[in-house]
Amino acid sequence: MIARRRLLQATAAAATAMTVRRAIARPRPRTYVLIHGAWHGGWCWQKVAPRLTAAGHRVLAPSLPGLAERAHLLSARIDLDAHIDDVVGLLDRDDLRDVVLVGHSYGGLVITGVADRATARVAHLVYLDAVIVNDGEAWSATHSAALVALWAQRAAPSGGLSVPPIEAAAFGIRTAADRAWVNRHLTPHPYRTYTQPLRLARPPGAGLRKTHIACRGPGALSAAARRVRIDAADGWQVRTLDAAHDAMVTAPAALADLLLALG
């Protein structure tokens, strides 16, 4: 009887110790808010979000006003501020804290503005092959005069309201199935988000963890897209990803693994 009791006690102790070890090893659940780029929507994260969720984290991938399933909201009032305010509103409504805020491409402008207005809710800014500018600069500041003129020309038929989507191949998407899927979902992008300067109360990402993920595959953005000095001395870390610009489509597993590894 005594031996049996001791065996049961030892088994229970071992089980408790294993539970404790697993709890210690298991990463603390985080909240990821994934912000898409131009012409895209929350749909573009469909291959990444389940991987983050399976690891025990909460994931939100909203579509910005005027795009994707919210395309009906497109109007002259949809500008960069409207996109920033929409995400800030999401953080406030859901009382989200310690957020890992990920911005892809144009989404880099949005997350910079969100972090400036809702600093207390953000723990980590992750720029995925993203546009990064300083206070007073617009997305158009990262482009040549010829490209700025082309954007204006392409927006002209809509009265300056929006810019039609470009072909999915421009984002580095090579497989026919993925190109068809992306092309089917792309919607016109609000033109005012391209020309409106970003207004910040402090330097981009001041006081927050900041990571720049540079894609090294087809369609990746050039250094011209980043007007901000990315330096470890300013709190930046840099990671590279051997993937196309639309890494969430072409390399979702590698991207999810990298996001999880950032901690």
Protein backbone atom coordinates (compact mmCIF):
# COMPACT_ATOMS: atom_id res chain seq x y z
CA MET A 1 0.00 0.00 0.00
CA ILE A 2 2.77 2.42 1.00
CA ALA A 3 4.78 1.58 -2.11
CA ARG A 4 1.70 2.13 -4.29
CA ARG A 5 1.03 5.48 -2.60
CA ARG A 6 4.61 6.57 -3.17
CA LEU A 7 4.41 5.49 -6.81
CA LEU A 8 1.24 7.51 -7.30
CA GLN A 9 2.82 10.52 -5.58
CA ALA A 10 5.93 10.24 -7.75
CA THR A 11 3.82 9.93 -10.90
CA ALA A 12 1.76 12.99 -9.93
CA ALA A 13 4.91 14.96 -9.15
CA ALA A 14 6.42 14.02 -12.51
CA ALA A 15 3.24 15.04 -14.32
CA THR A 16 3.18 18.35 -12.48
CA ALA A 17 6.83 19.00 -13.32
CA MET A 18 6.15 18.22 -17.00
CA THR A 19 3.18 20.61 -17.02
CA VAL A 20 5.34 23.35 -15.50
CA ARG A 21 8.11 22.74 -18.05
CA ARG A 22 5.63 22.90 -20.90
CA ALA A 23 4.13 26.11 -19.53
CA ILE A 24 7.57 27.67 -19.29
CA ALA A 25 8.51 26.52 -22.79
CA ARG A 26 5.24 27.67 -24.35
CA PRO A 27 5.57 31.26 -25.63
CA ARG A 28 3.34 33.88 -24.11
CA PRO A 29 0.26 34.38 -26.30
CA ARG A 30 0.53 37.50 -28.39
CA THR A 31 -1.85 39.54 -30.50
CA TYR A 32 -0.85 40.09 -34.12
CA VAL A 33 -2.57 42.78 -36.16
CA LEU A 34 -1.67 42.33 -39.83
CA ILE A 35 -2.05 45.35 -42.11
CA HIS A 36 -2.05 44.78 -45.85
CA GLY A 37 -0.56 46.86 -48.63
CA ALA A 38 -2.02 48.79 -51.55
CA TRP A 39 -4.82 47.18 -53.59
CA HIS A 40 -4.88 44.25 -51.15
CA GLY A 41 -7.13 43.43 -48.21
CA GLY A 42 -7.19 41.27 -45.12
CA TRP A 43 -7.67 38.28 -47.43
CA CYS A 44 -3.98 38.32 -48.40
CA TRP A 45 -2.98 36.95 -44.96
CA GLN A 46 -5.11 33.79 -45.30
CA LYS A 47 -2.06 31.54 -45.55
CA VAL A 48 -0.21 33.17 -42.64
CA ALA A 49 -2.89 33.83 -40.01
CA PRO A 50 -3.76 30.14 -39.36
CA ARG A 51 -0.11 29.37 -38.69
CA LEU A 52 0.11 32.10 -36.06
CA THR A 53 -3.20 31.01 -34.55
CA ALA A 54 -2.04 27.39 -34.40
CA ALA A 55 0.93 28.57 -32.33
CA GLY A 56 -1.50 29.93 -29.73
CA HIS A 57 -1.70 33.58 -30.74
CA ARG A 58 -4.57 35.90 -31.55
CA VAL A 59 -4.58 37.26 -35.10
CA LEU A 60 -6.56 40.09 -36.67
CA ALA A 61 -6.19 40.97 -40.36
CA PRO A 62 -8.57 43.84 -41.12
CA SER A 63 -9.21 45.28 -44.56
CA LEU A 64 -8.68 49.03 -44.70
CA PRO A 65 -11.61 51.31 -45.68
CA GLY A 66 -12.15 51.53 -49.42
CA LEU A 67 -10.46 48.20 -50.16
CA ALA A 68 -11.44 44.54 -50.52
CA GLU A 69 -14.82 43.82 -48.88
CA ARG A 70 -14.88 47.46 -47.74
CA ALA A 71 -14.46 48.79 -51.28
CA HIS A 72 -17.95 50.29 -51.10
CA LEU A 73 -16.58 52.81 -48.57
CA LEU A 74 -14.25 54.35 -51.15
CA SER A 75 -14.79 58.11 -51.28
CA ALA A 76 -12.83 61.35 -51.38
CA ARG A 77 -12.64 61.16 -47.57
CA ILE A 78 -10.54 58.00 -47.58
CA ASP A 79 -6.95 59.11 -47.08
CA LEU A 80 -3.97 58.02 -45.02
CA ASP A 81 -5.46 59.49 -41.84
CA ALA A 82 -8.67 57.53 -42.41
CA HIS A 83 -6.70 54.29 -42.64
CA ILE A 84 -4.66 55.09 -39.54
CA ASP A 85 -7.75 56.08 -37.55
CA ASP A 86 -9.53 52.89 -38.61
CA VAL A 87 -6.78 50.68 -37.16
CA VAL A 88 -6.50 52.81 -34.02
CA GLY A 89 -10.25 52.37 -33.62
CA LEU A 90 -9.85 48.60 -33.87
CA LEU A 91 -7.20 48.57 -31.14
CA ASP A 92 -9.40 50.72 -28.91
CA ARG A 93 -12.65 48.83 -29.50
CA ASP A 94 -11.09 45.45 -28.77
CA ASP A 95 -8.91 46.91 -26.01
CA LEU A 96 -5.85 45.32 -27.61
CA ARG A 97 -2.54 45.62 -25.80
CA ASP A 98 1.06 44.51 -26.38
CA VAL A 99 0.21 44.25 -30.06
CA VAL A 100 2.65 43.02 -32.68
CA LEU A 101 1.69 45.39 -35.49
CA VAL A 102 2.76 44.12 -38.91
CA GLY A 103 2.59 46.35 -41.98
CA HIS A 104 3.25 45.14 -45.51
CA SER A 105 4.33 47.53 -48.28
CA TYR A 106 2.00 50.59 -48.10
CA GLY A 107 0.88 49.23 -44.72
CA GLY A 108 4.18 50.48 -43.30
CA LEU A 109 2.82 54.03 -43.47
CA VAL A 110 -0.31 52.96 -41.65
CA ILE A 111 1.39 51.15 -38.78
CA THR A 112 3.80 54.06 -38.26
CA GLY A 113 0.84 56.38 -37.82
CA VAL A 114 -1.02 53.92 -35.60
CA ALA A 115 1.98 53.49 -33.31
CA ASP A 116 2.29 57.27 -33.02
CA ARG A 117 -1.35 57.67 -31.99
CA ALA A 118 -1.76 54.51 -29.90
CA THR A 119 1.76 53.94 -28.58
CA ALA A 120 0.60 52.38 -25.31
CA ARG A 121 -1.16 49.55 -27.16
CA VAL A 122 1.77 48.54 -29.38
CA ALA A 123 4.69 46.36 -28.33
CA HIS A 124 6.46 45.70 -31.62
CA LEU A 125 6.36 47.23 -35.10
CA VAL A 126 7.19 44.85 -37.93
CA TYR A 127 7.71 46.34 -41.38
CA LEU A 128 7.38 43.63 -44.03
CA ASP A 129 9.13 44.94 -47.16
CA ALA A 130 7.34 48.15 -46.29
CA VAL A 131 7.30 51.86 -47.01
CA ILE A 132 8.79 53.83 -44.10
CA VAL A 133 8.77 57.63 -44.10
CA ASN A 134 9.35 60.50 -41.68
CA ASP A 135 6.97 63.12 -40.39
CA GLY A 136 5.71 65.35 -43.19
CA GLU A 137 6.53 62.90 -45.98
CA ALA A 138 4.01 61.16 -48.22
CA TRP A 139 4.30 57.77 -49.87
CA SER A 140 4.88 59.65 -53.13
CA ALA A 141 8.12 61.05 -51.63
CA THR A 142 9.66 57.61 -52.07
CA HIS A 143 9.05 57.65 -55.85
CA SER A 144 10.62 59.40 -58.79
CA ALA A 145 8.89 62.35 -60.45
CA ALA A 146 8.04 60.13 -63.41
CA LEU A 147 6.34 57.54 -61.19
CA VAL A 148 4.44 60.22 -59.28
CA ALA A 149 3.16 61.52 -62.61
CA LEU A 150 2.15 58.00 -63.64
CA TRP A 151 0.12 57.54 -60.47
CA ALA A 152 -1.69 60.82 -61.12
CA GLN A 153 -2.37 59.75 -64.70
CA ARG A 154 -3.77 56.39 -63.61
CA ALA A 155 -5.98 58.08 -61.01
CA ALA A 156 -7.34 60.65 -63.47
CA PRO A 157 -10.16 58.52 -64.94
CA SER A 158 -11.69 58.18 -61.46
CA GLY A 159 -11.42 61.92 -60.86
CA GLY A 160 -8.45 61.41 -58.58
CA LEU A 161 -10.36 58.99 -56.38
CA SER A 162 -8.40 55.78 -56.85
CA VAL A 163 -5.63 53.97 -58.73
CA PRO A 164 -6.53 50.72 -60.52
CA PRO A 165 -4.75 47.55 -59.39
CA ILE A 166 -1.53 46.48 -61.02
CA GLU A 167 -0.90 42.90 -62.16
CA ALA A 168 -0.12 40.38 -59.42
CA ALA A 169 3.10 39.46 -61.19
CA ALA A 170 4.48 42.86 -60.14
CA PHE A 171 4.39 41.64 -56.54
CA GLY A 172 6.68 38.76 -57.43
CA ILE A 173 3.93 36.16 -57.63
CA ARG A 174 4.97 33.53 -60.13
CA THR A 175 2.55 30.60 -59.99
CA ALA A 176 -0.55 30.83 -62.17
CA ALA A 177 -2.88 29.79 -59.36
CA ASP A 178 -1.58 32.42 -56.94
CA ARG A 179 -1.63 35.13 -59.60
CA ALA A 180 -5.23 34.32 -60.46
CA TRP A 181 -6.23 34.35 -56.79
CA VAL A 182 -4.54 37.68 -56.09
CA ASN A 183 -5.74 39.36 -59.29
CA ARG A 184 -9.31 38.28 -58.49
CA HIS A 185 -9.19 40.00 -55.10
CA LEU A 186 -7.28 43.21 -55.83
CA THR A 187 -9.34 46.42 -55.73
CA PRO A 188 -8.57 50.06 -56.66
CA HIS A 189 -6.47 51.88 -54.09
CA PRO A 190 -7.51 55.26 -52.63
CA TYR A 191 -5.31 57.85 -54.35
CA ARG A 192 -5.23 60.31 -51.45
CA THR A 193 -3.29 57.82 -49.33
CA TYR A 194 -0.48 58.25 -51.87
CA THR A 195 -0.27 62.03 -51.70
CA GLN A 196 -1.19 62.85 -48.09
CA PRO A 197 1.86 63.43 -45.83
CA LEU A 198 2.19 61.32 -42.73
CA ARG A 199 1.93 63.45 -39.59
CA LEU A 200 3.76 62.25 -36.49
CA ALA A 201 4.26 63.67 -33.01
CA ARG A 202 7.57 61.83 -32.60
CA PRO A 203 10.10 59.96 -34.76
CA PRO A 204 8.72 56.80 -36.43
CA GLY A 205 8.34 54.01 -33.86
CA ALA A 206 10.00 56.01 -31.10
CA GLY A 207 10.38 53.94 -27.92
CA LEU A 208 9.07 50.74 -29.51
CA ARG A 209 10.69 47.58 -30.79
CA LYS A 210 11.06 47.89 -34.55
CA THR A 211 11.93 45.21 -37.08
CA HIS A 212 12.41 45.62 -40.81
CA ILE A 213 11.97 42.45 -42.85
CA ALA A 214 13.58 42.92 -46.25
CA CYS A 215 12.35 40.55 -48.94
CA ARG A 216 15.04 39.43 -51.36
CA GLY A 217 12.88 37.91 -54.10
CA PRO A 218 11.00 39.23 -57.16
CA GLY A 219 9.13 42.49 -56.77
CA ALA A 220 10.85 43.44 -53.50
CA LEU A 221 10.91 47.14 -52.69
CA SER A 222 14.09 49.10 -53.25
CA ALA A 223 15.89 51.07 -50.54
CA ALA A 224 14.11 54.19 -51.87
CA ALA A 225 10.95 53.00 -50.11
CA ARG A 226 12.62 53.60 -46.76
CA ARG A 227 13.25 57.25 -45.95
CA VAL A 228 14.00 56.46 -42.31
CA ARG A 229 17.46 55.48 -41.16
CA ILE A 230 17.30 51.85 -40.11
CA ASP A 231 20.02 51.42 -37.54
CA ALA A 232 20.48 49.25 -34.46
CA ALA A 233 21.45 52.37 -32.55
CA ASP A 234 17.91 53.65 -33.14
CA GLY A 235 16.32 50.44 -31.87
CA TRP A 236 15.95 48.67 -35.21
CA GLN A 237 16.60 45.05 -35.98
CA VAL A 238 16.81 43.83 -39.57
CA ARG A 239 15.83 40.45 -40.94
CA THR A 240 15.86 39.18 -44.51
CA LEU A 241 13.47 36.80 -46.18
CA ASP A 242 14.15 34.96 -49.42
CA ALA A 243 10.69 35.61 -50.76
CA ALA A 244 8.82 37.79 -53.22
CA HIS A 245 7.36 41.13 -52.19
CA ASP A 246 4.03 39.41 -51.47
CA ALA A 247 5.71 37.00 -49.07
CA MET A 248 2.41 36.25 -47.34
CA VAL A 249 1.26 34.64 -50.59
CA THR A 250 4.46 33.06 -51.92
CA ALA A 251 6.20 32.02 -48.68
CA PRO A 252 3.59 31.95 -45.88
CA ALA A 253 5.29 29.26 -43.80
CA ALA A 254 8.67 31.02 -43.84
CA LEU A 255 7.04 34.34 -43.04
CA ALA A 256 4.99 32.91 -40.16
CA ASP A 257 8.06 31.21 -38.74
CA LEU A 258 9.97 34.49 -38.88
CA LEU A 259 7.17 36.43 -37.19
CA LEU A 260 7.01 33.82 -34.44
CA ALA A 261 10.77 33.87 -34.02
CA LEU A 262 10.82 37.64 -33.52
CA GLY A 263 9.08 37.14 -30.19
